[in-house]
Amino acid sequence: MSISPISKGVYASLAALLFVHTTHAADAFSADSPWMLGDWKGQRTQLQQQGYGFSFGYTGEMATLLDAKRSNNHGTEYTGQLNIGAHLDLEKIAGWKGTEAQITVTHRDGRNLSNTSDALAGHLSSVQEVWGRGQTWRLTDFWIKKKFLDQKLDVKVGRFGEGEDFNSFDCDFQNLALCGSQVGNWVGDQWYNWPVSQWAARVKYNVTPEVYTQVGVYEYNPENLERGKGFNLSTDGSKGAIIPAEVVWTPKLGAQKLPGEYRAGYYYSTADAAVINNPNETDHHHGGWVVAKQQLTAHADDASRGLSGFVNVTVHDTKTNEKSDMQNIGLVYKGAMDARPQDEIALGVARINMNNDVLGNRSEEVDAEIYYGIHATNWLTIRPNLQYVHHVGAYKDGENVWVGGIKFNTSF
């Protein structure tokens, strides 16, 4: 991994600053603390109680090519992301009822094996999901949110990405096709997931305690992807807007109240997009999604442990989009062993289908991953994983590749 001198200096300065605050903290590096560097002699908890929440996190991902059908180039790459955030409860701070704000700055660095390995040339997904959208500093969140009508109506405005609220999904897997908002992966020329932000507004209404509906409007501005414009606040270069709408059901099923989340949504872009096989003609991206997550069992009547399942489906217009549809499915078991009640094991499989109009000798790519999540401490989780990619790039004669990886998340 190549890290710029500026990045090294920033990381060193941040580490030094945090060390000064926590050198004498009794609970620094405690396995039971949610933060590696502790509670700052209780000051961190006190600040939270006053409405000031600070977060410092890092995600690192390593991937190495284990085997391929034809290639013998067994490369290894590392990439990572630092995020620094502040969450402000403005009701506590300023007396603004039902109001909160968020500021998040991120930095990505490193390289992605999917881009450097000959065996993975043309890979539709990515074996290191945290890589991408320019390895640079970005203003990822800069928003304010307020609730009205006895907390039923929720309005959020500022700068943020679609995947924070719409088509949302967990990001524990290292393979991109099993991580995060999937629409942004397959309509990524206009739908921008984390860490890119754009001017946006989202309105959510809680129909019942378990059901809510929401609609949003997100600026589409290609300049937000440029490396030197991570803090761009200008609307110069805007080309239109992405408009998503969604219904979400969050039930707790059975006597054990097992949690679930079910999403169904649709998006439409007002921006022009070139028609496949006819670049002189334009139309508009549109499509939809269904996401389902449900805990299926409780381990020995302990609902904090047990088996969960998930399904993701996205469909996209075939007139302007190269990928016509995508599906993934998987299982996660948390706390299978009594000695490791917070560890988890997960298996997921994803299928990415190419548009018939751009097939040629292409059809579909399949990405699979199994990982074991080691809950090392409350501030560190390590997920060694094994990935398999069938027909890299959706080419019918494409490579079949095995990749080994390690993903870790830590909170300072």
Protein backbone atom coordinates (compact mmCIF):
# COMPACT_ATOMS: atom_id res chain seq x y z
CA MET A 1 0.00 0.00 0.00
CA SER A 2 1.28 3.46 -0.88
CA ILE A 3 0.34 6.20 1.59
CA SER A 4 1.16 9.82 0.82
CA PRO A 5 3.38 11.82 3.20
CA ILE A 6 0.43 14.12 3.92
CA SER A 7 -1.78 11.14 4.86
CA LYS A 8 0.97 9.74 7.10
CA GLY A 9 1.27 13.09 8.83
CA VAL A 10 -2.48 13.39 9.37
CA TYR A 11 -2.72 9.84 10.78
CA ALA A 12 0.24 10.48 13.09
CA SER A 13 -1.21 13.79 14.31
CA LEU A 14 -4.60 12.21 14.96
CA ALA A 15 -3.03 9.31 16.85
CA ALA A 16 -0.93 11.70 18.92
CA LEU A 17 -3.93 13.86 19.74
CA LEU A 18 -6.00 10.88 20.85
CA PHE A 19 -3.07 9.51 22.87
CA VAL A 20 -2.74 12.76 24.79
CA HIS A 21 -6.41 12.55 25.76
CA THR A 22 -6.24 8.93 26.85
CA THR A 23 -2.79 8.27 28.28
CA HIS A 24 -4.13 8.22 31.83
CA ALA A 25 -7.55 6.73 31.08
CA ALA A 26 -8.00 3.65 33.23
CA ASP A 27 -10.23 1.93 30.69
CA ALA A 28 -8.10 2.54 27.58
CA PHE A 29 -7.68 -0.74 25.64
CA SER A 30 -10.21 -2.44 27.89
CA ALA A 31 -11.99 -5.26 26.04
CA ASP A 32 -15.29 -4.10 27.53
CA SER A 33 -14.95 -0.50 26.33
CA PRO A 34 -16.64 0.46 23.05
CA TRP A 35 -13.54 2.57 22.26
CA MET A 36 -9.92 1.47 21.99
CA LEU A 37 -8.72 4.62 23.72
CA GLY A 38 -11.28 4.50 26.47
CA ASP A 39 -13.67 6.98 27.99
CA TRP A 40 -11.20 9.84 28.48
CA LYS A 41 -11.62 9.63 32.29
CA GLY A 42 -15.38 9.75 31.83
CA GLN A 43 -15.29 12.87 29.68
CA ARG A 44 -16.48 11.07 26.56
CA THR A 45 -19.62 9.73 28.24
CA GLN A 46 -20.21 13.12 29.84
CA LEU A 47 -19.98 14.81 26.43
CA GLN A 48 -22.48 12.31 25.01
CA GLN A 49 -24.89 13.06 27.83
CA GLN A 50 -24.56 16.73 26.94
CA GLY A 51 -25.34 16.00 23.27
CA TYR A 52 -21.85 15.72 21.76
CA GLY A 53 -20.97 12.32 20.29
CA PHE A 54 -17.58 11.82 18.67
CA SER A 55 -16.51 8.84 16.56
CA PHE A 56 -13.11 7.79 15.24
CA GLY A 57 -13.08 4.56 13.26
CA TYR A 58 -10.94 2.61 10.85
CA THR A 59 -11.67 -0.25 8.45
CA GLY A 60 -8.84 -2.21 6.87
CA GLU A 61 -9.09 -4.89 4.19
CA MET A 62 -6.41 -7.22 2.82
CA ALA A 63 -6.94 -9.55 -0.15
CA THR A 64 -4.64 -12.08 -1.76
CA LEU A 65 -5.16 -14.24 -4.84
CA LEU A 66 -5.07 -17.89 -3.81
CA ASP A 67 -5.85 -19.64 -7.08
CA ALA A 68 -7.17 -18.97 -10.58
CA LYS A 69 -8.06 -21.09 -13.58
CA ARG A 70 -5.38 -19.59 -15.83
CA SER A 71 -3.46 -16.81 -14.09
CA ASN A 72 -0.47 -17.58 -11.85
CA ASN A 73 -0.07 -14.01 -10.60
CA HIS A 74 -0.82 -14.34 -6.87
CA GLY A 75 -0.86 -10.70 -5.82
CA THR A 76 -1.80 -9.13 -2.48
CA GLU A 77 -3.28 -5.68 -1.84
CA TYR A 78 -4.37 -3.64 1.18
CA THR A 79 -6.81 -0.76 1.41
CA GLY A 80 -8.35 1.13 4.30
CA GLN A 81 -10.71 3.88 5.37
CA LEU A 82 -10.50 6.31 8.27
CA ASN A 83 -13.65 8.10 9.41
CA ILE A 84 -13.95 10.96 11.87
CA GLY A 85 -17.40 12.08 12.94
CA ALA A 86 -19.43 14.23 15.29
CA HIS A 87 -23.09 13.66 16.11
CA LEU A 88 -24.88 16.59 17.73
CA ASP A 89 -28.10 16.28 19.73
CA LEU A 90 -29.34 19.83 19.20
CA GLU A 91 -32.24 19.37 21.60
CA LYS A 92 -29.74 18.95 24.44
CA ILE A 93 -27.27 21.50 23.10
CA ALA A 94 -29.55 24.29 21.92
CA GLY A 95 -33.06 23.31 23.00
CA TRP A 96 -34.20 22.53 19.42
CA LYS A 97 -36.75 19.80 20.03
CA GLY A 98 -36.31 16.60 18.01
CA THR A 99 -33.29 17.96 16.12
CA GLU A 100 -29.90 16.37 15.48
CA ALA A 101 -26.97 16.88 13.12
CA GLN A 102 -24.08 14.83 11.77
CA ILE A 103 -20.67 15.70 10.34
CA THR A 104 -18.42 12.92 8.99
CA VAL A 105 -15.08 13.18 7.21
CA THR A 106 -13.53 10.09 5.59
CA HIS A 107 -10.23 9.20 4.01
CA ARG A 108 -9.56 6.19 1.79
CA ASP A 109 -6.13 4.92 0.78
CA GLY A 110 -4.52 1.81 -0.66
CA ARG A 111 -5.14 -0.43 -3.66
CA ASN A 112 -7.74 -3.01 -4.68
CA LEU A 113 -6.81 -6.51 -5.87
CA SER A 114 -9.73 -6.44 -8.32
CA ASN A 115 -7.93 -3.63 -10.15
CA THR A 116 -4.37 -4.94 -10.04
CA SER A 117 -4.69 -8.71 -10.56
CA ASP A 118 -4.77 -10.09 -14.12
CA ALA A 119 -7.04 -12.90 -12.89
CA LEU A 120 -9.65 -10.35 -11.76
CA ALA A 121 -9.47 -8.07 -14.81
CA GLY A 122 -12.96 -6.77 -15.56
CA HIS A 123 -14.35 -7.88 -12.17
CA LEU A 124 -17.89 -6.50 -11.83
CA SER A 125 -17.80 -6.58 -8.04
CA SER A 126 -14.77 -5.92 -5.82
CA VAL A 127 -12.96 -8.21 -3.38
CA GLN A 128 -12.22 -5.16 -1.17
CA GLU A 129 -15.42 -3.13 -0.81
CA VAL A 130 -13.85 -0.26 1.14
CA TRP A 131 -11.78 0.76 -1.89
CA GLY A 132 -13.24 3.16 -4.43
CA ARG A 133 -14.68 6.55 -5.35
CA GLY A 134 -11.22 8.11 -5.31
CA GLN A 135 -8.63 7.44 -2.61
CA THR A 136 -8.91 10.85 -0.98
CA TRP A 137 -10.39 12.91 1.86
CA ARG A 138 -14.14 13.59 1.64
CA LEU A 139 -16.91 15.36 3.49
CA THR A 140 -19.23 12.35 3.71
CA ASP A 141 -21.95 13.69 6.03
CA PHE A 142 -23.06 17.25 6.68
CA TRP A 143 -26.74 17.17 7.56
CA ILE A 144 -29.42 18.24 10.01
CA LYS A 145 -32.55 16.25 10.84
CA LYS A 146 -35.73 17.27 12.66
CA LYS A 147 -38.83 15.36 13.77
CA PHE A 148 -42.37 16.72 13.72
CA LEU A 149 -45.92 15.52 14.48
CA ASP A 150 -45.10 13.67 17.69
CA GLN A 151 -41.97 12.15 16.15
CA LYS A 152 -43.88 10.60 13.22
CA LEU A 153 -42.48 12.90 10.52
CA ASP A 154 -38.70 12.98 10.03
CA VAL A 155 -37.04 15.50 7.68
CA LYS A 156 -33.33 15.34 6.84
CA VAL A 157 -31.47 17.89 4.67
CA GLY A 158 -27.84 18.57 3.82
CA ARG A 159 -25.13 16.47 2.22
CA PHE A 160 -25.30 12.66 2.39
CA GLY A 161 -25.57 9.61 0.14
CA GLU A 162 -28.61 7.64 -0.99
CA GLY A 163 -27.48 4.39 0.63
CA GLU A 164 -27.63 5.87 4.14
CA ASP A 165 -31.43 5.80 4.02
CA PHE A 166 -32.56 3.96 0.86
CA ASN A 167 -31.79 0.37 -0.18
CA SER A 168 -29.67 0.23 2.98
CA PHE A 169 -27.90 -2.97 3.96
CA ASP A 170 -25.17 -4.12 6.36
CA CYS A 171 -21.53 -4.08 5.25
CA ASP A 172 -19.90 -6.94 7.15
CA PHE A 173 -18.83 -8.94 4.10
CA GLN A 174 -15.67 -7.87 2.26
CA ASN A 175 -17.01 -8.59 -1.25
CA LEU A 176 -18.86 -5.56 -2.61
CA ALA A 177 -21.72 -7.63 -4.05
CA LEU A 178 -22.65 -8.64 -0.47
CA CYS A 179 -22.05 -5.28 1.21
CA GLY A 180 -24.07 -2.08 1.45
CA SER A 181 -26.66 -0.51 -0.84
CA GLN A 182 -26.60 -2.61 -4.01
CA VAL A 183 -28.26 -0.08 -6.34
CA GLY A 184 -25.23 2.16 -5.92
CA ASN A 185 -22.98 -0.70 -7.04
CA TRP A 186 -24.80 -1.32 -10.33
CA VAL A 187 -26.03 2.19 -11.17
CA GLY A 188 -22.91 3.80 -9.78
CA ASP A 189 -22.57 6.33 -12.57
CA GLN A 190 -25.41 8.31 -10.94
CA TRP A 191 -26.34 6.75 -7.56
CA TYR A 192 -23.50 7.57 -5.13
CA ASN A 193 -23.03 5.49 -2.00
CA TRP A 194 -20.72 6.22 0.94
CA PRO A 195 -18.29 7.98 1.12
CA VAL A 196 -19.53 10.40 -1.59
CA SER A 197 -22.06 13.01 -0.52
CA GLN A 198 -24.31 15.36 -2.46
CA TRP A 199 -26.96 17.93 -1.62
CA ALA A 200 -30.08 16.02 -0.66
CA ALA A 201 -33.37 16.00 1.22
CA ARG A 202 -35.21 13.02 2.67
CA VAL A 203 -38.70 12.94 4.22
CA LYS A 204 -39.79 9.92 6.28
CA TYR A 205 -43.19 9.25 7.85
CA ASN A 206 -43.86 6.57 10.46
CA VAL A 207 -47.22 5.04 9.54
CA THR A 208 -47.06 2.67 12.53
CA PRO A 209 -44.26 1.84 15.00
CA GLU A 210 -43.19 -0.95 12.58
CA VAL A 211 -43.85 0.65 9.18
CA TYR A 212 -42.52 3.82 7.59
CA THR A 213 -42.41 5.32 4.12
CA GLN A 214 -39.84 7.75 2.75
CA VAL A 215 -38.94 9.71 -0.35
CA GLY A 216 -35.79 11.61 -1.22
CA VAL A 217 -34.22 13.95 -3.77
CA TYR A 218 -30.45 13.72 -4.35
CA GLU A 219 -28.40 16.02 -6.54
CA TYR A 220 -26.58 14.22 -9.37
CA ASN A 221 -23.29 16.04 -9.87
CA PRO A 222 -20.40 14.09 -11.48
CA GLU A 223 -17.92 16.66 -10.13
CA ASN A 224 -18.45 15.16 -6.65
CA LEU A 225 -16.42 12.13 -7.78
CA GLU A 226 -13.34 14.14 -8.70
CA ARG A 227 -10.34 13.56 -6.47
CA GLY A 228 -9.81 17.23 -5.67
CA LYS A 229 -13.47 17.93 -4.85
CA GLY A 230 -14.11 15.84 -1.77
CA PHE A 231 -15.30 18.99 0.04
CA ASN A 232 -17.11 20.48 -2.95
CA LEU A 233 -20.26 22.33 -1.82
CA SER A 234 -21.04 23.96 -5.17
CA THR A 235 -23.95 22.91 -7.37
CA ASP A 236 -22.00 23.85 -10.48
CA GLY A 237 -21.93 20.79 -12.69
CA SER A 238 -25.27 19.40 -11.50
CA LYS A 239 -26.98 17.30 -14.15
CA GLY A 240 -30.26 16.41 -12.48
CA ALA A 241 -31.52 14.44 -9.50
CA ILE A 242 -32.05 10.87 -8.28
CA ILE A 243 -35.48 10.41 -6.68
CA PRO A 244 -35.89 7.25 -4.57
CA ALA A 245 -39.01 6.16 -2.69
CA GLU A 246 -39.29 3.27 -0.24
CA VAL A 247 -41.54 1.42 2.19
CA VAL A 248 -39.89 -0.27 5.19
CA TRP A 249 -41.35 -2.82 7.63
CA THR A 250 -39.39 -3.62 10.82
CA PRO A 251 -41.30 -6.40 12.64
CA LYS A 252 -40.35 -8.40 15.71
CA LEU A 253 -41.71 -11.88 15.09
CA GLY A 254 -42.79 -14.64 17.43
CA ALA A 255 -42.71 -14.96 21.18
CA GLN A 256 -38.99 -14.17 21.18
CA LYS A 257 -39.51 -10.92 19.20
CA LEU A 258 -36.94 -11.80 16.57
CA PRO A 259 -36.08 -8.64 14.59
CA GLY A 260 -36.49 -8.25 10.85
CA GLU A 261 -36.28 -5.53 8.21
CA TYR A 262 -38.06 -5.57 4.86
CA ARG A 263 -37.58 -2.87 2.21
CA ALA A 264 -39.21 -2.28 -1.16
CA GLY A 265 -38.33 0.74 -3.25
CA TYR A 266 -38.11 2.44 -6.63
CA TYR A 267 -35.77 5.10 -8.05
CA TYR A 268 -35.91 7.45 -11.02
CA SER A 269 -33.23 9.75 -12.39
CA THR A 270 -34.05 13.04 -14.09
CA ALA A 271 -30.52 13.14 -15.56
CA ASP A 272 -29.82 12.04 -19.10
CA ALA A 273 -28.12 8.67 -19.63
CA ALA A 274 -26.87 7.26 -22.92
CA VAL A 275 -28.94 4.48 -24.44
CA ILE A 276 -27.09 1.16 -24.68
CA ASN A 277 -25.72 0.61 -28.20
CA ASN A 278 -26.92 4.07 -29.28
CA PRO A 279 -24.84 6.79 -27.57
CA ASN A 280 -26.54 9.50 -29.65
CA GLU A 281 -29.84 8.80 -27.87
CA THR A 282 -30.56 9.44 -24.19
CA ASP A 283 -33.10 8.22 -21.68
CA HIS A 284 -33.29 7.98 -17.86
CA HIS A 285 -32.10 5.42 -15.32
CA HIS A 286 -34.85 3.81 -13.24
CA GLY A 287 -35.40 0.59 -11.35
CA GLY A 288 -36.30 -0.95 -8.04
CA TRP A 289 -35.24 -3.17 -5.16
CA VAL A 290 -36.37 -5.55 -2.45
CA VAL A 291 -34.29 -6.18 0.69
CA ALA A 292 -35.22 -8.69 3.39
CA LYS A 293 -33.34 -9.45 6.63
CA GLN A 294 -34.81 -11.64 9.35
CA GLN A 295 -33.50 -13.35 12.47
CA LEU A 296 -34.81 -16.90 12.17
CA THR A 297 -33.87 -18.54 15.48
CA ALA A 298 -32.72 -17.72 18.99
CA HIS A 299 -29.79 -19.67 20.39
CA ALA A 300 -30.93 -21.48 23.55
CA ASP A 301 -33.70 -18.88 23.97
CA ASP A 302 -31.15 -16.05 23.80
CA ALA A 303 -32.43 -13.65 21.11
CA SER A 304 -29.06 -11.85 20.98
CA ARG A 305 -27.70 -15.03 19.36
CA GLY A 306 -29.03 -17.22 16.59
CA LEU A 307 -29.45 -17.67 12.84
CA SER A 308 -30.43 -14.84 10.51
CA GLY A 309 -31.03 -14.77 6.77
CA PHE A 310 -31.01 -12.08 4.09
CA VAL A 311 -32.04 -11.56 0.47
CA ASN A 312 -31.27 -8.62 -1.83
CA VAL A 313 -32.80 -8.10 -5.28
CA THR A 314 -32.30 -5.11 -7.59
CA VAL A 315 -33.67 -4.60 -11.11
CA HIS A 316 -32.64 -1.85 -13.54
CA ASP A 317 -33.84 -0.51 -16.87
CA THR A 318 -32.18 -2.32 -19.76
CA LYS A 319 -32.29 0.69 -22.04
CA THR A 320 -29.56 2.68 -20.25
CA ASN A 321 -27.90 0.34 -17.73
CA GLU A 322 -25.27 -2.34 -18.40
CA LYS A 323 -26.37 -4.51 -15.45
CA SER A 324 -29.99 -5.58 -15.70
CA ASP A 325 -30.41 -7.17 -12.28
CA MET A 326 -28.63 -8.52 -9.24
CA GLN A 327 -29.51 -10.91 -6.42
CA ASN A 328 -27.74 -12.00 -3.27
CA ILE A 329 -28.71 -14.38 -0.48
CA GLY A 330 -27.02 -15.49 2.70
CA LEU A 331 -27.07 -16.74 6.28
CA VAL A 332 -25.40 -15.39 9.42
CA TYR A 333 -25.12 -17.27 12.72
CA LYS A 334 -24.14 -15.25 15.76
CA GLY A 335 -22.98 -16.96 18.95
CA ALA A 336 -22.79 -20.55 17.72
CA MET A 337 -20.29 -21.37 20.49
CA ASP A 338 -21.01 -20.60 24.14
CA ALA A 339 -17.35 -19.71 24.65
CA ARG A 340 -17.61 -17.09 21.86
CA PRO A 341 -21.17 -15.69 22.16
CA GLN A 342 -20.50 -12.58 20.04
CA ASP A 343 -18.58 -14.24 17.21
CA GLU A 344 -20.42 -14.96 13.98
CA ILE A 345 -20.06 -17.06 10.86
CA ALA A 346 -21.63 -15.98 7.58
CA LEU A 347 -22.05 -17.27 4.04
CA GLY A 348 -23.33 -15.22 1.09
CA VAL A 349 -23.70 -15.69 -2.65
CA ALA A 350 -24.40 -12.94 -5.22
CA ARG A 351 -25.30 -13.06 -8.91
CA ILE A 352 -24.76 -10.04 -11.20
CA ASN A 353 -26.57 -10.27 -14.54
CA MET A 354 -25.52 -8.31 -17.62
CA ASN A 355 -27.97 -6.50 -19.90
CA ASN A 356 -28.86 -8.63 -22.97
CA ASP A 357 -28.00 -5.66 -25.21
CA VAL A 358 -24.35 -5.69 -24.08
CA LEU A 359 -23.87 -9.43 -23.68
CA GLY A 360 -21.58 -10.47 -26.51
CA ASN A 361 -19.89 -13.43 -24.82
CA ARG A 362 -21.03 -12.19 -21.39
CA SER A 363 -23.83 -13.45 -19.16
CA GLU A 364 -23.45 -13.33 -15.38
CA GLU A 365 -20.83 -13.18 -12.65
CA VAL A 366 -21.22 -15.03 -9.35
CA ASP A 367 -19.45 -13.84 -6.18
CA ALA A 368 -19.46 -15.90 -2.97
CA GLU A 369 -17.90 -15.35 0.45
CA ILE A 370 -17.69 -17.11 3.78
CA TYR A 371 -16.26 -15.30 6.81
CA TYR A 372 -15.78 -15.87 10.49
CA GLY A 373 -16.23 -12.74 12.58
CA ILE A 374 -14.00 -12.68 15.66
CA HIS A 375 -15.33 -10.32 18.33
CA ALA A 376 -11.86 -9.61 19.74
CA THR A 377 -13.04 -6.70 21.92
CA ASN A 378 -15.99 -4.33 21.92
CA TRP A 379 -13.86 -1.99 19.78
CA LEU A 380 -12.27 -4.52 17.41
CA THR A 381 -13.83 -7.11 15.09
CA ILE A 382 -11.71 -9.20 12.72
CA ARG A 383 -13.26 -11.12 9.82
CA PRO A 384 -10.98 -13.53 7.95
CA ASN A 385 -12.77 -14.58 4.77
CA LEU A 386 -12.61 -16.79 1.71
CA GLN A 387 -14.09 -15.54 -1.57
CA TYR A 388 -14.85 -17.26 -4.86
CA VAL A 389 -15.59 -15.46 -8.14
CA HIS A 390 -17.11 -17.48 -10.99
CA HIS A 391 -16.84 -16.08 -14.53
CA VAL A 392 -14.99 -12.87 -13.66
CA GLY A 393 -16.48 -9.93 -15.57
CA ALA A 394 -19.52 -12.06 -16.51
CA TYR A 395 -17.54 -13.49 -19.43
CA LYS A 396 -18.67 -17.00 -20.31
CA ASP A 397 -15.03 -18.10 -20.55
CA GLY A 398 -13.93 -15.84 -17.68
CA GLU A 399 -11.59 -16.77 -14.86
CA ASN A 400 -12.72 -18.67 -11.77
CA VAL A 401 -10.81 -17.19 -8.84
CA TRP A 402 -10.24 -17.96 -5.15
CA VAL A 403 -9.32 -15.01 -2.90
CA GLY A 404 -8.35 -14.96 0.76
CA GLY A 405 -9.06 -11.85 2.79
CA ILE A 406 -9.04 -10.23 6.20
CA LYS A 407 -11.33 -7.35 7.14
CA PHE A 408 -11.18 -5.55 10.45
CA ASN A 409 -13.16 -2.71 12.03
CA THR A 410 -11.93 -0.75 15.00
CA SER A 411 -13.31 2.21 16.93
CA PHE A 412 -10.81 4.51 18.57
